[in-house]
Amino acid sequence: MKFRVIEGGLGKAADEVGAAAQRQPSSEDVRREAVRRLRESGYHTSYVRQLATGAPQPEALRYLKMQLDFAAQTLSRLNPIPEDFHADAYWPSVERSR
């Protein structure tokens, strides 16, 4: 019985994971973070409700979308983009009433 070394396997995958962890954040990473924050804010649900019922969307959510777009554009233009760009300090938030 002969054994053969398989090239590529897990060793290469581990190298790729390490390289991805060391790369600089891109503007696409920033855009994905903005989309994630907008989704979590409830903006899309409110927007669909507005389209379906005609009831206006809360102003706070409309302003939040504008602020998130502005923050994403500004962060994307930085060179280099901060490693911690997803920290709350860089992004606006809306206070929800309890």
PDB file of N, CA and C in Angstrom:
ATOM      1  N   MET A   1       0.843  -1.172   0.000  1.00  0.00           N
ATOM      2  CA  MET A   1       0.000   0.000   0.000  1.00  0.00           C
ATOM      3  C   MET A   1       0.891   1.238   0.000  1.00  0.00           C
ATOM      4  N   LYS A   2       0.619   2.141  -0.930  1.00  0.00           N
ATOM      5  CA  LYS A   2       1.385   3.372  -1.023  1.00  0.00           C
ATOM      6  C   LYS A   2       0.515   4.551  -0.588  1.00  0.00           C
ATOM      7  N   PHE A   3       1.152   5.493   0.065  1.00  0.00           N
ATOM      8  CA  PHE A   3       0.460   6.712   0.454  1.00  0.00           C
ATOM      9  C   PHE A   3       0.945   7.849  -0.422  1.00  0.00           C
ATOM     10  N   ARG A   4       0.043   8.723  -0.716  1.00  0.00           N
ATOM     11  CA  ARG A   4       0.375   9.839  -1.571  1.00  0.00           C
ATOM     12  C   ARG A   4       0.020  11.146  -0.852  1.00  0.00           C
ATOM     13  N   VAL A   5       0.850  12.137  -0.968  1.00  0.00           N
ATOM     14  CA  VAL A   5       0.595  13.444  -0.362  1.00  0.00           C
ATOM     15  C   VAL A   5      -0.372  14.202  -1.261  1.00  0.00           C
ATOM     16  N   ILE A   6      -1.458  14.656  -0.658  1.00  0.00           N
ATOM     17  CA  ILE A   6      -2.441  15.430  -1.418  1.00  0.00           C
ATOM     18  C   ILE A   6      -2.105  16.897  -1.240  1.00  0.00           C
ATOM     19  N   GLU A   7      -1.847  17.558  -2.334  1.00  0.00           N
ATOM     20  CA  GLU A   7      -1.486  18.971  -2.282  1.00  0.00           C
ATOM     21  C   GLU A   7      -2.739  19.829  -2.168  1.00  0.00           C
ATOM     22  N   GLY A   8      -2.642  20.917  -1.454  1.00  0.00           N
ATOM     23  CA  GLY A   8      -3.766  21.842  -1.364  1.00  0.00           C
ATOM     24  C   GLY A   8      -4.518  21.685  -0.069  1.00  0.00           C
ATOM     25  N   GLY A   9      -5.083  20.626   0.241  1.00  0.00           N
ATOM     26  CA  GLY A   9      -5.843  20.279   1.433  1.00  0.00           C
ATOM     27  C   GLY A   9      -6.036  21.373   2.461  1.00  0.00           C
ATOM     28  N   LEU A  10      -6.038  21.004   3.725  1.00  0.00           N
ATOM     29  CA  LEU A  10      -6.302  21.938   4.812  1.00  0.00           C
ATOM     30  C   LEU A  10      -5.171  22.936   5.021  1.00  0.00           C
ATOM     31  N   GLY A  11      -3.956  22.545   4.692  1.00  0.00           N
ATOM     32  CA  GLY A  11      -2.831  23.461   4.864  1.00  0.00           C
ATOM     33  C   GLY A  11      -3.025  24.741   4.086  1.00  0.00           C
ATOM     34  N   LYS A  12      -3.482  24.635   2.861  1.00  0.00           N
ATOM     35  CA  LYS A  12      -3.710  25.816   2.037  1.00  0.00           C
ATOM     36  C   LYS A  12      -4.877  26.631   2.580  1.00  0.00           C
ATOM     37  N   ALA A  13      -5.946  25.968   3.009  1.00  0.00           N
ATOM     38  CA  ALA A  13      -7.108  26.674   3.554  1.00  0.00           C
ATOM     39  C   ALA A  13      -6.718  27.462   4.799  1.00  0.00           C
ATOM     40  N   ALA A  14      -5.885  26.874   5.640  1.00  0.00           N
ATOM     41  CA  ALA A  14      -5.439  27.567   6.838  1.00  0.00           C
ATOM     42  C   ALA A  14      -4.614  28.800   6.475  1.00  0.00           C
ATOM     43  N   ASP A  15      -3.785  28.699   5.432  1.00  0.00           N
ATOM     44  CA  ASP A  15      -3.002  29.852   4.981  1.00  0.00           C
ATOM     45  C   ASP A  15      -3.906  30.959   4.468  1.00  0.00           C
ATOM     46  N   GLU A  16      -4.971  30.588   3.741  1.00  0.00           N
ATOM     47  CA  GLU A  16      -5.896  31.587   3.204  1.00  0.00           C
ATOM     48  C   GLU A  16      -6.642  32.299   4.323  1.00  0.00           C
ATOM     49  N   VAL A  17      -7.035  31.561   5.368  1.00  0.00           N
ATOM     50  CA  VAL A  17      -7.715  32.171   6.507  1.00  0.00           C
ATOM     51  C   VAL A  17      -6.780  33.155   7.197  1.00  0.00           C
ATOM     52  N   GLY A  18      -5.520  32.774   7.368  1.00  0.00           N
ATOM     53  CA  GLY A  18      -4.549  33.669   7.983  1.00  0.00           C
ATOM     54  C   GLY A  18      -4.324  34.917   7.148  1.00  0.00           C
ATOM     55  N   ALA A  19      -4.277  34.769   5.828  1.00  0.00           N
ATOM     56  CA  ALA A  19      -4.084  35.915   4.942  1.00  0.00           C
ATOM     57  C   ALA A  19      -5.297  36.844   4.987  1.00  0.00           C
ATOM     58  N   ALA A  20      -6.494  36.269   5.053  1.00  0.00           N
ATOM     59  CA  ALA A  20      -7.709  37.093   5.115  1.00  0.00           C
ATOM     60  C   ALA A  20      -7.751  37.895   6.409  1.00  0.00           C
ATOM     61  N   ALA A  21      -7.264  37.303   7.492  1.00  0.00           N
ATOM     62  CA  ALA A  21      -7.257  38.007   8.771  1.00  0.00           C
ATOM     63  C   ALA A  21      -6.260  39.156   8.756  1.00  0.00           C
ATOM     64  N   GLN A  22      -5.205  39.067   7.938  1.00  0.00           N
ATOM     65  CA  GLN A  22      -4.177  40.092   7.900  1.00  0.00           C
ATOM     66  C   GLN A  22      -4.454  41.188   6.884  1.00  0.00           C
ATOM     67  N   ARG A  23      -5.402  40.996   5.982  1.00  0.00           N
ATOM     68  CA  ARG A  23      -5.640  41.993   4.940  1.00  0.00           C
ATOM     69  C   ARG A  23      -6.345  43.223   5.507  1.00  0.00           C
ATOM     70  N   GLN A  24      -6.161  44.316   4.837  1.00  0.00           N
ATOM     71  CA  GLN A  24      -6.796  45.562   5.230  1.00  0.00           C
ATOM     72  C   GLN A  24      -8.279  45.533   4.878  1.00  0.00           C
ATOM     73  N   PRO A  25      -9.126  46.183   5.679  1.00  0.00           N
ATOM     74  CA  PRO A  25     -10.549  46.255   5.327  1.00  0.00           C
ATOM     75  C   PRO A  25     -10.734  47.019   4.014  1.00  0.00           C
ATOM     76  N   SER A  26     -11.720  46.630   3.242  1.00  0.00           N
ATOM     77  CA  SER A  26     -11.996  47.287   1.969  1.00  0.00           C
ATOM     78  C   SER A  26     -13.283  48.106   2.063  1.00  0.00           C
ATOM     79  N   SER A  27     -13.537  48.896   1.044  1.00  0.00           N
ATOM     80  CA  SER A  27     -14.775  49.668   1.014  1.00  0.00           C
ATOM     81  C   SER A  27     -15.991  48.742   0.937  1.00  0.00           C
ATOM     82  N   GLU A  28     -15.809  47.557   0.364  1.00  0.00           N
ATOM     83  CA  GLU A  28     -16.904  46.573   0.323  1.00  0.00           C
ATOM     84  C   GLU A  28     -17.219  46.077   1.734  1.00  0.00           C
ATOM     85  N   ASP A  29     -16.216  45.904   2.568  1.00  0.00           N
ATOM     86  CA  ASP A  29     -16.431  45.509   3.964  1.00  0.00           C
ATOM     87  C   ASP A  29     -17.239  46.581   4.692  1.00  0.00           C
ATOM     88  N   VAL A  30     -16.899  47.835   4.445  1.00  0.00           N
ATOM     89  CA  VAL A  30     -17.606  48.948   5.074  1.00  0.00           C
ATOM     90  C   VAL A  30     -19.062  48.979   4.602  1.00  0.00           C
ATOM     91  N   ARG A  31     -19.279  48.768   3.306  1.00  0.00           N
ATOM     92  CA  ARG A  31     -20.643  48.765   2.770  1.00  0.00           C
ATOM     93  C   ARG A  31     -21.478  47.657   3.402  1.00  0.00           C
ATOM     94  N   ARG A  32     -20.881  46.470   3.553  1.00  0.00           N
ATOM     95  CA  ARG A  32     -21.611  45.359   4.174  1.00  0.00           C
ATOM     96  C   ARG A  32     -21.982  45.679   5.620  1.00  0.00           C
ATOM     97  N   GLU A  33     -21.090  46.357   6.337  1.00  0.00           N
ATOM     98  CA  GLU A  33     -21.389  46.744   7.721  1.00  0.00           C
ATOM     99  C   GLU A  33     -22.539  47.739   7.766  1.00  0.00           C
ATOM    100  N   ALA A  34     -22.556  48.685   6.836  1.00  0.00           N
ATOM    101  CA  ALA A  34     -23.653  49.658   6.788  1.00  0.00           C
ATOM    102  C   ALA A  34     -24.980  48.959   6.494  1.00  0.00           C
ATOM    103  N   VAL A  35     -24.973  48.025   5.565  1.00  0.00           N
ATOM    104  CA  VAL A  35     -26.192  47.280   5.229  1.00  0.00           C
ATOM    105  C   VAL A  35     -26.660  46.467   6.428  1.00  0.00           C
ATOM    106  N   ARG A  36     -25.728  45.862   7.149  1.00  0.00           N
ATOM    107  CA  ARG A  36     -26.081  45.071   8.332  1.00  0.00           C
ATOM    108  C   ARG A  36     -26.736  45.951   9.386  1.00  0.00           C
ATOM    109  N   ARG A  37     -26.156  47.123   9.629  1.00  0.00           N
ATOM    110  CA  ARG A  37     -26.716  48.026  10.632  1.00  0.00           C
ATOM    111  C   ARG A  37     -28.086  48.547  10.216  1.00  0.00           C
ATOM    112  N   LEU A  38     -28.265  48.820   8.940  1.00  0.00           N
ATOM    113  CA  LEU A  38     -29.559  49.292   8.453  1.00  0.00           C
ATOM    114  C   LEU A  38     -30.612  48.194   8.606  1.00  0.00           C
ATOM    115  N   ARG A  39     -30.238  46.966   8.292  1.00  0.00           N
ATOM    116  CA  ARG A  39     -31.164  45.833   8.417  1.00  0.00           C
ATOM    117  C   ARG A  39     -31.585  45.649   9.874  1.00  0.00           C
ATOM    118  N   GLU A  40     -30.634  45.756  10.800  1.00  0.00           N
ATOM    119  CA  GLU A  40     -30.938  45.574  12.217  1.00  0.00           C
ATOM    120  C   GLU A  40     -31.776  46.714  12.790  1.00  0.00           C
ATOM    121  N   SER A  41     -31.765  47.860  12.159  1.00  0.00           N
ATOM    122  CA  SER A  41     -32.520  49.003  12.668  1.00  0.00           C
ATOM    123  C   SER A  41     -34.016  48.880  12.432  1.00  0.00           C
ATOM    124  N   GLY A  42     -34.424  48.000  11.525  1.00  0.00           N
ATOM    125  CA  GLY A  42     -35.845  47.876  11.198  1.00  0.00           C
ATOM    126  C   GLY A  42     -36.269  48.784  10.056  1.00  0.00           C
ATOM    127  N   TYR A  43     -35.307  49.393   9.400  1.00  0.00           N
ATOM    128  CA  TYR A  43     -35.605  50.324   8.315  1.00  0.00           C
ATOM    129  C   TYR A  43     -36.395  49.653   7.189  1.00  0.00           C
ATOM    130  N   HIS A  44     -35.966  48.477   6.776  1.00  0.00           N
ATOM    131  CA  HIS A  44     -36.601  47.824   5.626  1.00  0.00           C
ATOM    132  C   HIS A  44     -38.056  47.459   5.918  1.00  0.00           C
ATOM    133  N   THR A  45     -38.316  46.971   7.112  1.00  0.00           N
ATOM    134  CA  THR A  45     -39.695  46.646   7.494  1.00  0.00           C
ATOM    135  C   THR A  45     -40.560  47.894   7.472  1.00  0.00           C
ATOM    136  N   SER A  46     -40.032  48.972   7.994  1.00  0.00           N
ATOM    137  CA  SER A  46     -40.759  50.233   8.018  1.00  0.00           C
ATOM    138  C   SER A  46     -41.002  50.756   6.604  1.00  0.00           C
ATOM    139  N   TYR A  47     -40.017  50.587   5.738  1.00  0.00           N
ATOM    140  CA  TYR A  47     -40.147  51.047   4.350  1.00  0.00           C
ATOM    141  C   TYR A  47     -41.223  50.257   3.610  1.00  0.00           C
ATOM    142  N   VAL A  48     -41.231  48.947   3.789  1.00  0.00           N
ATOM    143  CA  VAL A  48     -42.246  48.106   3.145  1.00  0.00           C
ATOM    144  C   VAL A  48     -43.626  48.446   3.684  1.00  0.00           C
ATOM    145  N   ARG A  49     -43.718  48.681   4.984  1.00  0.00           N
ATOM    146  CA  ARG A  49     -44.999  49.065   5.584  1.00  0.00           C
ATOM    147  C   ARG A  49     -45.491  50.380   4.974  1.00  0.00           C
ATOM    148  N   GLN A  50     -44.578  51.313   4.754  1.00  0.00           N
ATOM    149  CA  GLN A  50     -44.955  52.586   4.147  1.00  0.00           C
ATOM    150  C   GLN A  50     -45.491  52.369   2.735  1.00  0.00           C
ATOM    151  N   LEU A  51     -44.842  51.516   1.965  1.00  0.00           N
ATOM    152  CA  LEU A  51     -45.299  51.241   0.607  1.00  0.00           C
ATOM    153  C   LEU A  51     -46.666  50.559   0.598  1.00  0.00           C
ATOM    154  N   ALA A  52     -46.888  49.656   1.549  1.00  0.00           N
ATOM    155  CA  ALA A  52     -48.128  48.885   1.572  1.00  0.00           C
ATOM    156  C   ALA A  52     -49.311  49.676   2.111  1.00  0.00           C
ATOM    157  N   THR A  53     -49.078  50.475   3.146  1.00  0.00           N
ATOM    158  CA  THR A  53     -50.198  51.137   3.814  1.00  0.00           C
ATOM    159  C   THR A  53     -50.265  52.640   3.561  1.00  0.00           C
ATOM    160  N   GLY A  54     -49.171  53.220   3.140  1.00  0.00           N
ATOM    161  CA  GLY A  54     -49.140  54.666   2.945  1.00  0.00           C
ATOM    162  C   GLY A  54     -48.808  55.417   4.223  1.00  0.00           C
ATOM    163  N   ALA A  55     -48.691  54.701   5.336  1.00  0.00           N
ATOM    164  CA  ALA A  55     -48.326  55.344   6.599  1.00  0.00           C
ATOM    165  C   ALA A  55     -46.873  55.785   6.515  1.00  0.00           C
ATOM    166  N   PRO A  56     -46.592  57.028   6.874  1.00  0.00           N
ATOM    167  CA  PRO A  56     -45.214  57.517   6.729  1.00  0.00           C
ATOM    168  C   PRO A  56     -44.233  56.765   7.637  1.00  0.00           C
ATOM    169  N   GLN A  57     -43.046  56.650   7.127  1.00  0.00           N
ATOM    170  CA  GLN A  57     -41.956  56.017   7.863  1.00  0.00           C
ATOM    171  C   GLN A  57     -41.497  56.967   8.964  1.00  0.00           C
ATOM    172  N   PRO A  58     -41.111  56.448  10.126  1.00  0.00           N
ATOM    173  CA  PRO A  58     -40.611  57.330  11.185  1.00  0.00           C
ATOM    174  C   PRO A  58     -39.401  58.145  10.704  1.00  0.00           C
ATOM    175  N   GLU A  59     -39.410  59.424  11.058  1.00  0.00           N
ATOM    176  CA  GLU A  59     -38.326  60.308  10.643  1.00  0.00           C
ATOM    177  C   GLU A  59     -36.976  59.816  11.154  1.00  0.00           C
ATOM    178  N   ALA A  60     -36.959  59.263  12.352  1.00  0.00           N
ATOM    179  CA  ALA A  60     -35.697  58.799  12.934  1.00  0.00           C
ATOM    180  C   ALA A  60     -35.046  57.736  12.046  1.00  0.00           C
ATOM    181  N   LEU A  61     -35.841  56.848  11.456  1.00  0.00           N
ATOM    182  CA  LEU A  61     -35.280  55.819  10.587  1.00  0.00           C
ATOM    183  C   LEU A  61     -34.813  56.390   9.250  1.00  0.00           C
ATOM    184  N   ARG A  62     -35.545  57.363   8.730  1.00  0.00           N
ATOM    185  CA  ARG A  62     -35.096  57.996   7.476  1.00  0.00           C
ATOM    186  C   ARG A  62     -33.770  58.704   7.683  1.00  0.00           C
ATOM    187  N   TYR A  63     -33.652  59.427   8.795  1.00  0.00           N
ATOM    188  CA  TYR A  63     -32.399  60.123   9.090  1.00  0.00           C
ATOM    189  C   TYR A  63     -31.271  59.134   9.369  1.00  0.00           C
ATOM    190  N   LEU A  64     -31.598  58.026  10.031  1.00  0.00           N
ATOM    191  CA  LEU A  64     -30.580  57.020  10.298  1.00  0.00           C
ATOM    192  C   LEU A  64     -30.001  56.482   8.997  1.00  0.00           C
ATOM    193  N   LYS A  65     -30.841  56.227   8.017  1.00  0.00           N
ATOM    194  CA  LYS A  65     -30.354  55.728   6.719  1.00  0.00           C
ATOM    195  C   LYS A  65     -29.407  56.729   6.081  1.00  0.00           C
ATOM    196  N   MET A  66     -29.782  58.006   6.100  1.00  0.00           N
ATOM    197  CA  MET A  66     -28.903  59.033   5.530  1.00  0.00           C
ATOM    198  C   MET A  66     -27.568  59.083   6.273  1.00  0.00           C
ATOM    199  N   GLN A  67     -27.618  58.988   7.598  1.00  0.00           N
ATOM    200  CA  GLN A  67     -26.397  59.039   8.394  1.00  0.00           C
ATOM    201  C   GLN A  67     -25.517  57.813   8.158  1.00  0.00           C
ATOM    202  N   LEU A  68     -26.143  56.634   8.034  1.00  0.00           N
ATOM    203  CA  LEU A  68     -25.372  55.425   7.761  1.00  0.00           C
ATOM    204  C   LEU A  68     -24.703  55.501   6.389  1.00  0.00           C
ATOM    205  N   ASP A  69     -25.434  56.004   5.393  1.00  0.00           N
ATOM    206  CA  ASP A  69     -24.842  56.169   4.060  1.00  0.00           C
ATOM    207  C   ASP A  69     -23.646  57.117   4.109  1.00  0.00           C
ATOM    208  N   PHE A  70     -23.793  58.218   4.843  1.00  0.00           N
ATOM    209  CA  PHE A  70     -22.708  59.187   4.953  1.00  0.00           C
ATOM    210  C   PHE A  70     -21.500  58.579   5.669  1.00  0.00           C
ATOM    211  N   ALA A  71     -21.741  57.869   6.769  1.00  0.00           N
ATOM    212  CA  ALA A  71     -20.648  57.245   7.517  1.00  0.00           C
ATOM    213  C   ALA A  71     -19.923  56.218   6.650  1.00  0.00           C
ATOM    214  N   ALA A  72     -20.674  55.432   5.895  1.00  0.00           N
ATOM    215  CA  ALA A  72     -20.057  54.412   5.033  1.00  0.00           C
ATOM    216  C   ALA A  72     -19.203  55.065   3.951  1.00  0.00           C
ATOM    217  N   GLN A  73     -19.703  56.130   3.341  1.00  0.00           N
ATOM    218  CA  GLN A  73     -18.925  56.824   2.311  1.00  0.00           C
ATOM    219  C   GLN A  73     -17.651  57.416   2.903  1.00  0.00           C
ATOM    220  N   THR A  74     -17.775  58.014   4.067  1.00  0.00           N
ATOM    221  CA  THR A  74     -16.618  58.645   4.703  1.00  0.00           C
ATOM    222  C   THR A  74     -15.569  57.609   5.100  1.00  0.00           C
ATOM    223  N   LEU A  75     -16.010  56.508   5.712  1.00  0.00           N
ATOM    224  CA  LEU A  75     -15.065  55.460   6.102  1.00  0.00           C
ATOM    225  C   LEU A  75     -14.402  54.824   4.883  1.00  0.00           C
ATOM    226  N   SER A  76     -15.157  54.672   3.804  1.00  0.00           N
ATOM    227  CA  SER A  76     -14.608  54.055   2.592  1.00  0.00           C
ATOM    228  C   SER A  76     -13.520  54.908   1.962  1.00  0.00           C
ATOM    229  N   ARG A  77     -13.573  56.208   2.182  1.00  0.00           N
ATOM    230  CA  ARG A  77     -12.592  57.117   1.583  1.00  0.00           C
ATOM    231  C   ARG A  77     -11.303  57.222   2.391  1.00  0.00           C
ATOM    232  N   LEU A  78     -11.320  56.727   3.626  1.00  0.00           N
ATOM    233  CA  LEU A  78     -10.110  56.804   4.440  1.00  0.00           C
ATOM    234  C   LEU A  78      -9.047  55.862   3.888  1.00  0.00           C
ATOM    235  N   ASN A  79      -7.805  56.275   4.003  1.00  0.00           N
ATOM    236  CA  ASN A  79      -6.719  55.430   3.550  1.00  0.00           C
ATOM    237  C   ASN A  79      -5.645  55.412   4.630  1.00  0.00           C
ATOM    238  N   PRO A  80      -5.483  54.363   5.357  1.00  0.00           N
ATOM    239  CA  PRO A  80      -6.220  53.102   5.289  1.00  0.00           C
ATOM    240  C   PRO A  80      -7.521  53.169   6.089  1.00  0.00           C
ATOM    241  N   ILE A  81      -8.425  52.271   5.774  1.00  0.00           N
ATOM    242  CA  ILE A  81      -9.666  52.144   6.534  1.00  0.00           C
ATOM    243  C   ILE A  81      -9.301  51.551   7.892  1.00  0.00           C
ATOM    244  N   PRO A  82      -9.801  52.113   8.982  1.00  0.00           N
ATOM    245  CA  PRO A  82      -9.440  51.597  10.309  1.00  0.00           C
ATOM    246  C   PRO A  82      -9.804  50.117  10.461  1.00  0.00           C
ATOM    247  N   GLU A  83      -8.942  49.382  11.149  1.00  0.00           N
ATOM    248  CA  GLU A  83      -9.195  47.955  11.383  1.00  0.00           C
ATOM    249  C   GLU A  83     -10.491  47.745  12.164  1.00  0.00           C
ATOM    250  N   ASP A  84     -10.814  48.676  13.056  1.00  0.00           N
ATOM    251  CA  ASP A  84     -12.010  48.544  13.896  1.00  0.00           C
ATOM    252  C   ASP A  84     -13.192  49.342  13.336  1.00  0.00           C
ATOM    253  N   PHE A  85     -13.300  49.397  12.010  1.00  0.00           N
ATOM    254  CA  PHE A  85     -14.340  50.219  11.381  1.00  0.00           C
ATOM    255  C   PHE A  85     -15.746  49.799  11.794  1.00  0.00           C
ATOM    256  N   HIS A  86     -15.918  48.595  12.308  1.00  0.00           N
ATOM    257  CA  HIS A  86     -17.259  48.165  12.692  1.00  0.00           C
ATOM    258  C   HIS A  86     -17.593  48.529  14.140  1.00  0.00           C
ATOM    259  N   ALA A  87     -16.713  49.244  14.799  1.00  0.00           N
ATOM    260  CA  ALA A  87     -16.981  49.690  16.168  1.00  0.00           C
ATOM    261  C   ALA A  87     -18.107  50.727  16.156  1.00  0.00           C
ATOM    262  N   ASP A  88     -18.899  50.725  17.201  1.00  0.00           N
ATOM    263  CA  ASP A  88     -20.047  51.634  17.290  1.00  0.00           C
ATOM    264  C   ASP A  88     -19.641  53.104  17.244  1.00  0.00           C
ATOM    265  N   ALA A  89     -18.420  53.414  17.623  1.00  0.00           N
ATOM    266  CA  ALA A  89     -17.974  54.802  17.647  1.00  0.00           C
ATOM    267  C   ALA A  89     -17.999  55.442  16.256  1.00  0.00           C
ATOM    268  N   TYR A  90     -17.874  54.657  15.199  1.00  0.00           N
ATOM    269  CA  TYR A  90     -17.858  55.190  13.835  1.00  0.00           C
ATOM    270  C   TYR A  90     -19.251  55.328  13.228  1.00  0.00           C
ATOM    271  N   TRP A  91     -20.241  54.734  13.832  1.00  0.00           N
ATOM    272  CA  TRP A  91     -21.563  54.631  13.216  1.00  0.00           C
ATOM    273  C   TRP A  91     -22.640  55.318  14.044  1.00  0.00           C
ATOM    274  N   PRO A  92     -23.618  55.937  13.371  1.00  0.00           N
ATOM    275  CA  PRO A  92     -24.743  56.528  14.097  1.00  0.00           C
ATOM    276  C   PRO A  92     -25.690  55.438  14.593  1.00  0.00           C
ATOM    277  N   SER A  93     -26.493  55.790  15.551  1.00  0.00           N
ATOM    278  CA  SER A  93     -27.506  54.856  16.041  1.00  0.00           C
ATOM    279  C   SER A  93     -28.766  55.624  16.361  1.00  0.00           C
ATOM    280  N   VAL A  94     -29.850  54.905  16.441  1.00  0.00           N
ATOM    281  CA  VAL A  94     -31.122  55.537  16.793  1.00  0.00           C
ATOM    282  C   VAL A  94     -31.539  54.969  18.143  1.00  0.00           C
ATOM    283  N   GLU A  95     -31.937  55.856  19.038  1.00  0.00           N
ATOM    284  CA  GLU A  95     -32.390  55.424  20.346  1.00  0.00           C
ATOM    285  C   GLU A  95     -33.827  54.956  20.213  1.00  0.00           C
ATOM    286  N   ARG A  96     -34.097  53.758  20.674  1.00  0.00           N
ATOM    287  CA  ARG A  96     -35.460  53.229  20.625  1.00  0.00           C
ATOM    288  C   ARG A  96     -36.157  53.501  21.947  1.00  0.00           C
ATOM    289  N   SER A  97     -37.407  53.905  21.854  1.00  0.00           N
ATOM    290  CA  SER A  97     -38.178  54.141  23.089  1.00  0.00           C
ATOM    291  C   SER A  97     -38.630  52.806  23.644  1.00  0.00           C
ATOM    292  N   ARG A  98     -38.641  52.708  24.955  1.00  0.00           N
ATOM    293  CA  ARG A  98     -39.018  51.440  25.585  1.00  0.00           C
ATOM    294  C   ARG A  98     -40.397  51.503  26.143  1.00  0.00           C
TER     295      ARG A  98
END
